[in-house]
Amino acid sequence: MINVKTSIRRLTPTFIWQIMASLKKIVALNLSVPMFLLKEDEKNNKIFVIGNGPSLKDDLSKLSPDESYFCVNNFCTSPYFQVLKPKYYLFLDSYFFSENAHEDWIRQRNITFDTINNMTTWNMTIFVPSWANLKYIKSCINNKLIKITMIRVGEFNIGSKVINKFAYNSGFFGPYQVNVLIYAVYISIWLKAREIIVLGADTSFHNDVSVDQSSNQLYMDINHFNGDLVKELLMKNPCKIDPFTMFEILDTCSKTFYSHDMLYYFAKGKSCNIYNASSYSLIDSYPRVYLDER
């Protein structure tokens, strides 16, 4: 029997529930800050935002350690972490904070947190969402050179770029929170970067999905720049209990590419130029540049 809450949800436009979920994030009673309160000690003329797509392995050797880097998720497990010495870092995926995360994710995040805590010998800021367990993170990362900042931002989209941009300018709202690279770019805009160079932004995960023709179970070829290709059952984070459907994967893809479109539109209003320097990428929102020519 369908309960009242389910009935109301079905009758109410989706964007209403999205706004309510976002409001819940931005009224959280914690130490998180809205985007307009992010402070920088020095002006950021250029930030390289590094995704972990497989194309990155072809581009890392072209990067200079003299630039400002913004890295995400498990990049620190690469030897290039200590070469590039990223100034900024972002954890957004729920498995980094969830008490109910699958044991595979717990094992991976322990490696990541230990590496960051023990190998960071320079000043670095780590950004986490307002709903993250800050106490837990600080129990794992207590390096005095690392500052942890919680960002207070909810996703907002009603289909109008003009209205979305207006909401983003408040500093309380941003793009869909479906991919960590999106928010690394978004935060970089608010850090007043004049130029953002994106790398490792393959964004080709929908090409890596297959459907078992007997069970309808989805599989994905997991392929990051610092690991081997692995075929896995496609299960939802952080618990790996519920399977993804093809509709959900393609819906996430749509939101991802729309978010990059919105970021480019929003950045223009902030006098910020975004470029895609990935040697391979399906993102067509940003003009292409080549590292060899810069």
Protein backbone atom coordinates (compact mmCIF):
# COMPACT_ATOMS: atom_id res chain seq x y z
CA MET A 1 0.00 0.00 0.00
CA ILE A 2 1.35 3.40 -0.98
CA ASN A 3 1.77 5.71 2.03
CA VAL A 4 0.86 9.40 2.14
CA LYS A 5 4.45 10.61 1.79
CA THR A 6 4.97 8.55 -1.37
CA SER A 7 1.71 9.83 -2.85
CA ILE A 8 2.64 13.46 -2.16
CA ARG A 9 6.09 12.95 -3.70
CA ARG A 10 4.56 11.54 -6.88
CA LEU A 11 2.17 14.48 -7.21
CA THR A 12 4.74 17.18 -6.47
CA PRO A 13 7.11 18.48 -9.18
CA THR A 14 10.61 17.02 -8.83
CA PHE A 15 12.32 20.39 -8.54
CA ILE A 16 10.33 21.13 -5.35
CA TRP A 17 11.87 18.10 -3.64
CA GLN A 18 15.30 19.04 -4.96
CA ILE A 19 14.97 22.52 -3.49
CA MET A 20 13.83 21.12 -0.15
CA ALA A 21 16.79 18.73 -0.06
CA SER A 22 19.13 21.64 -0.87
CA LEU A 23 17.61 23.83 1.84
CA LYS A 24 18.24 21.05 4.34
CA LYS A 25 21.94 21.16 3.43
CA ILE A 26 22.31 24.93 3.68
CA VAL A 27 20.59 25.29 7.06
CA ALA A 28 22.77 22.64 8.69
CA LEU A 29 23.84 23.67 12.20
CA ASN A 30 27.58 23.22 11.86
CA LEU A 31 30.76 25.09 10.94
CA SER A 32 30.18 25.03 7.18
CA VAL A 33 30.42 28.27 5.19
CA PRO A 34 28.61 29.47 2.05
CA MET A 35 30.68 29.96 -1.07
CA PHE A 36 30.93 33.74 -0.78
CA LEU A 37 32.78 33.39 2.54
CA LEU A 38 35.63 31.36 1.06
CA LYS A 39 38.81 33.30 1.69
CA GLU A 40 42.10 33.26 -0.16
CA ASP A 41 45.43 34.55 1.10
CA GLU A 42 46.64 35.36 -2.39
CA LYS A 43 45.02 36.00 -5.73
CA ASN A 44 44.47 32.88 -7.84
CA ASN A 45 45.24 33.77 -11.43
CA LYS A 46 45.11 30.16 -12.60
CA ILE A 47 44.00 26.87 -11.07
CA PHE A 48 44.48 23.45 -12.65
CA VAL A 49 41.55 21.20 -11.69
CA ILE A 50 42.61 17.57 -11.87
CA GLY A 51 40.05 14.81 -12.41
CA ASN A 52 41.06 11.16 -12.16
CA GLY A 53 40.03 10.00 -15.64
CA PRO A 54 42.33 7.57 -17.50
CA SER A 55 43.49 10.27 -19.92
CA LEU A 56 45.35 11.93 -17.05
CA LYS A 57 48.16 9.39 -17.28
CA ASP A 58 49.09 10.92 -20.67
CA ASP A 59 49.05 14.48 -19.33
CA LEU A 60 50.66 14.38 -15.88
CA SER A 61 54.23 14.52 -17.15
CA LYS A 62 53.43 17.80 -18.93
CA LEU A 63 52.50 19.61 -15.71
CA SER A 64 54.78 22.00 -13.85
CA PRO A 65 54.98 21.86 -10.02
CA ASP A 66 54.99 25.67 -10.02
CA GLU A 67 51.24 25.93 -10.72
CA SER A 68 48.24 25.82 -8.34
CA TYR A 69 46.45 22.47 -8.39
CA PHE A 70 43.03 21.34 -7.18
CA CYS A 71 42.80 17.55 -6.83
CA VAL A 72 40.00 15.21 -5.81
CA ASN A 73 39.17 11.86 -4.22
CA ASN A 74 42.04 9.37 -4.36
CA PHE A 75 44.57 11.36 -6.38
CA CYS A 76 46.91 11.38 -3.39
CA THR A 77 47.68 7.68 -3.93
CA SER A 78 49.59 8.70 -7.08
CA PRO A 79 53.31 9.60 -6.84
CA TYR A 80 52.37 12.87 -8.55
CA PHE A 81 50.65 14.02 -5.36
CA GLN A 82 54.03 14.92 -3.86
CA VAL A 83 55.30 16.30 -7.16
CA LEU A 84 52.42 18.70 -7.86
CA LYS A 85 51.71 19.50 -4.18
CA PRO A 86 48.06 20.49 -4.71
CA LYS A 87 46.90 23.63 -2.96
CA TYR A 88 43.30 22.42 -2.81
CA TYR A 89 41.59 19.07 -2.42
CA LEU A 90 37.95 17.97 -2.42
CA PHE A 91 36.06 15.00 -1.02
CA LEU A 92 32.41 14.88 -2.11
CA ASP A 93 31.49 11.22 -2.53
CA SER A 94 29.45 9.86 0.36
CA TYR A 95 31.68 6.86 0.98
CA PHE A 96 34.36 9.14 2.42
CA PHE A 97 32.08 10.03 5.34
CA SER A 98 29.42 7.34 5.71
CA GLU A 99 29.37 4.99 8.70
CA ASN A 100 27.55 2.46 6.48
CA ALA A 101 30.05 2.45 3.63
CA HIS A 102 30.91 -0.88 2.02
CA GLU A 103 34.12 -2.45 3.29
CA ASP A 104 35.78 -1.85 -0.10
CA TRP A 105 35.20 1.89 0.26
CA ILE A 106 36.30 1.90 3.91
CA ARG A 107 39.56 0.23 2.90
CA GLN A 108 40.12 2.77 0.11
CA ARG A 109 39.31 5.85 2.19
CA ASN A 110 41.63 4.66 4.98
CA ILE A 111 44.48 4.46 2.47
CA THR A 112 43.57 7.90 1.09
CA PHE A 113 43.26 9.61 4.48
CA ASP A 114 46.48 8.01 5.76
CA THR A 115 48.38 9.07 2.65
CA ILE A 116 47.17 12.67 2.82
CA ASN A 117 47.84 12.90 6.55
CA ASN A 118 51.37 11.48 6.36
CA MET A 119 52.61 12.70 2.99
CA THR A 120 51.45 16.34 2.92
CA THR A 121 54.42 18.58 3.71
CA TRP A 122 52.94 21.82 2.35
CA ASN A 123 49.92 23.98 3.13
CA MET A 124 46.73 22.53 1.65
CA THR A 125 43.02 23.15 2.06
CA ILE A 126 40.60 20.22 1.92
CA PHE A 127 36.96 21.00 1.13
CA VAL A 128 34.14 18.72 2.28
CA PRO A 129 30.33 19.14 2.08
CA SER A 130 28.26 20.45 4.98
CA TRP A 131 26.81 17.01 5.66
CA ALA A 132 30.20 15.36 6.10
CA ASN A 133 31.23 13.97 9.50
CA LEU A 134 33.84 16.59 10.37
CA LYS A 135 34.79 14.93 13.65
CA TYR A 136 35.57 11.68 11.87
CA ILE A 137 37.60 13.40 9.14
CA LYS A 138 39.67 15.31 11.68
CA SER A 139 40.32 12.11 13.59
CA CYS A 140 41.88 10.71 10.39
CA ILE A 141 43.55 13.86 9.08
CA ASN A 142 45.25 15.86 11.85
CA ASN A 143 48.21 17.21 9.89
CA LYS A 144 48.80 20.82 11.04
CA LEU A 145 49.54 21.91 7.47
CA ILE A 146 46.06 20.89 6.32
CA LYS A 147 43.02 23.12 6.74
CA ILE A 148 39.60 21.44 6.43
CA THR A 149 36.75 23.65 5.21
CA MET A 150 33.11 22.57 5.10
CA ILE A 151 31.13 24.19 2.29
CA ARG A 152 27.46 25.03 2.78
CA VAL A 153 25.88 24.63 -0.65
CA GLY A 154 22.83 22.87 -2.04
CA GLU A 155 22.17 21.93 -5.65
CA PHE A 156 19.72 24.07 -7.62
CA ASN A 157 18.24 23.67 -11.08
CA ILE A 158 14.88 24.68 -12.50
CA GLY A 159 15.85 24.50 -16.17
CA SER A 160 16.63 28.20 -16.64
CA LYS A 161 20.28 29.21 -16.85
CA VAL A 162 19.44 32.80 -15.89
CA ILE A 163 17.57 31.78 -12.74
CA ASN A 164 20.14 29.11 -11.89
CA LYS A 165 22.90 31.70 -12.20
CA PHE A 166 20.98 34.03 -9.89
CA ALA A 167 20.76 31.23 -7.31
CA TYR A 168 24.46 30.38 -7.68
CA ASN A 169 25.38 34.03 -7.09
CA SER A 170 23.81 33.82 -3.63
CA GLY A 171 26.67 31.55 -2.62
CA PHE A 172 24.27 29.02 -1.10
CA PHE A 173 23.42 27.04 -4.23
CA GLY A 174 25.34 25.32 -6.99
CA PRO A 175 25.16 22.68 -9.74
CA TYR A 176 24.03 19.08 -9.37
CA GLN A 177 26.18 17.23 -6.83
CA VAL A 178 26.67 14.20 -9.04
CA ASN A 179 30.39 14.40 -9.77
CA VAL A 180 33.34 15.66 -7.74
CA LEU A 181 34.97 17.37 -10.72
CA ILE A 182 31.95 19.66 -11.07
CA TYR A 183 32.41 21.03 -7.57
CA ALA A 184 36.17 21.33 -7.84
CA VAL A 185 35.54 23.68 -10.78
CA TYR A 186 32.71 25.47 -8.95
CA ILE A 187 34.81 26.10 -5.84
CA SER A 188 37.68 27.33 -8.03
CA ILE A 189 35.37 29.95 -9.51
CA TRP A 190 34.50 31.17 -6.01
CA LEU A 191 38.22 31.24 -5.15
CA LYS A 192 38.36 33.98 -7.77
CA ALA A 193 40.47 32.12 -10.31
CA ARG A 194 40.81 34.08 -13.54
CA GLU A 195 41.55 30.91 -15.48
CA ILE A 196 40.67 27.28 -14.78
CA ILE A 197 42.35 24.45 -16.68
CA VAL A 198 40.58 21.08 -16.45
CA LEU A 199 42.45 17.79 -16.86
CA GLY A 200 41.56 14.12 -16.47
CA ALA A 201 37.97 15.00 -17.35
CA ASP A 202 37.18 12.01 -19.56
CA THR A 203 33.52 11.89 -18.39
CA SER A 204 32.99 8.79 -20.49
CA PHE A 205 31.59 6.48 -17.82
CA HIS A 206 28.39 5.85 -19.77
CA ASN A 207 30.55 4.27 -22.48
CA ASP A 208 31.97 1.92 -19.87
CA VAL A 209 28.60 0.47 -18.82
CA SER A 210 27.24 -2.84 -20.08
CA VAL A 211 24.01 -4.72 -19.34
CA ASP A 212 23.92 -8.43 -18.64
CA GLN A 213 21.50 -9.79 -21.22
CA SER A 214 20.10 -12.39 -18.83
CA SER A 215 19.83 -10.57 -15.50
CA ASN A 216 19.67 -6.91 -16.62
CA GLN A 217 22.42 -6.23 -14.07
CA LEU A 218 24.68 -3.31 -14.99
CA TYR A 219 28.45 -3.68 -15.04
CA MET A 220 31.05 -0.96 -15.38
CA ASP A 221 34.66 -0.96 -16.51
CA ILE A 222 36.32 1.03 -13.70
CA ASN A 223 39.32 2.83 -15.13
CA HIS A 224 41.26 5.60 -13.40
CA PHE A 225 44.63 7.03 -14.37
CA ASN A 226 46.42 5.38 -11.43
CA GLY A 227 44.89 1.92 -11.53
CA ASP A 228 44.20 -1.11 -13.68
CA LEU A 229 40.97 -1.65 -15.61
CA VAL A 230 38.49 -3.58 -13.46
CA LYS A 231 34.98 -4.78 -14.39
CA GLU A 232 32.55 -4.49 -11.46
CA LEU A 233 28.86 -4.79 -10.69
CA LEU A 234 27.46 -1.27 -10.76
CA MET A 235 26.08 -0.68 -7.26
CA LYS A 236 25.14 2.56 -5.52
CA ASN A 237 27.44 4.22 -3.01
CA PRO A 238 28.16 4.12 -0.20
CA CYS A 239 26.73 0.73 0.79
CA LYS A 240 26.86 -1.14 -2.55
CA ILE A 241 23.47 -2.73 -1.81
CA ASP A 242 21.14 -1.28 -4.45
CA PRO A 243 21.94 -1.69 -8.16
CA PHE A 244 21.91 1.14 -10.66
CA THR A 245 19.50 1.11 -13.59
CA MET A 246 20.40 2.34 -17.06
CA PHE A 247 17.91 5.18 -16.63
CA GLU A 248 19.70 6.33 -13.47
CA ILE A 249 23.10 6.19 -15.15
CA LEU A 250 21.99 8.22 -18.16
CA ASP A 251 20.12 10.67 -15.92
CA THR A 252 23.36 11.20 -13.99
CA CYS A 253 25.20 11.71 -17.29
CA SER A 254 22.66 14.32 -18.37
CA LYS A 255 23.02 16.18 -15.07
CA THR A 256 26.80 16.02 -15.32
CA PHE A 257 27.02 17.56 -18.77
CA TYR A 258 24.34 20.15 -17.97
CA SER A 259 26.31 21.14 -14.87
CA HIS A 260 29.42 21.79 -16.94
CA ASP A 261 27.34 23.95 -19.28
CA MET A 262 26.09 25.89 -16.25
CA LEU A 263 29.60 26.27 -14.83
CA TYR A 264 30.86 27.80 -18.07
CA TYR A 265 27.90 30.19 -18.14
CA PHE A 266 28.32 31.10 -14.47
CA ALA A 267 32.10 31.56 -14.75
CA LYS A 268 31.72 34.09 -17.56
CA GLY A 269 29.76 36.31 -15.18
CA LYS A 270 32.64 36.07 -12.71
CA SER A 271 35.29 37.04 -15.31
CA CYS A 272 36.67 33.52 -15.20
CA ASN A 273 37.63 31.46 -18.25
CA ILE A 274 37.44 27.66 -18.12
CA TYR A 275 39.41 25.50 -20.56
CA ASN A 276 39.57 21.76 -21.10
CA ALA A 277 43.13 20.51 -21.55
CA SER A 278 42.32 16.80 -21.18
CA SER A 279 43.92 14.72 -23.93
CA TYR A 280 40.57 12.91 -24.11
CA SER A 281 37.23 14.22 -22.87
CA LEU A 282 33.57 14.17 -23.85
CA ILE A 283 32.90 17.51 -22.16
CA ASP A 284 32.17 20.00 -24.93
CA SER A 285 31.18 22.93 -22.68
CA TYR A 286 34.70 24.38 -22.38
CA PRO A 287 37.04 25.51 -25.16
CA ARG A 288 39.91 23.10 -25.79
CA VAL A 289 43.55 23.93 -25.15
CA TYR A 290 46.70 21.82 -25.40
CA LEU A 291 49.28 21.69 -22.65
CA ASP A 292 52.09 21.54 -25.20
CA GLU A 293 51.03 24.94 -26.51
CA ARG A 294 50.79 26.75 -23.18
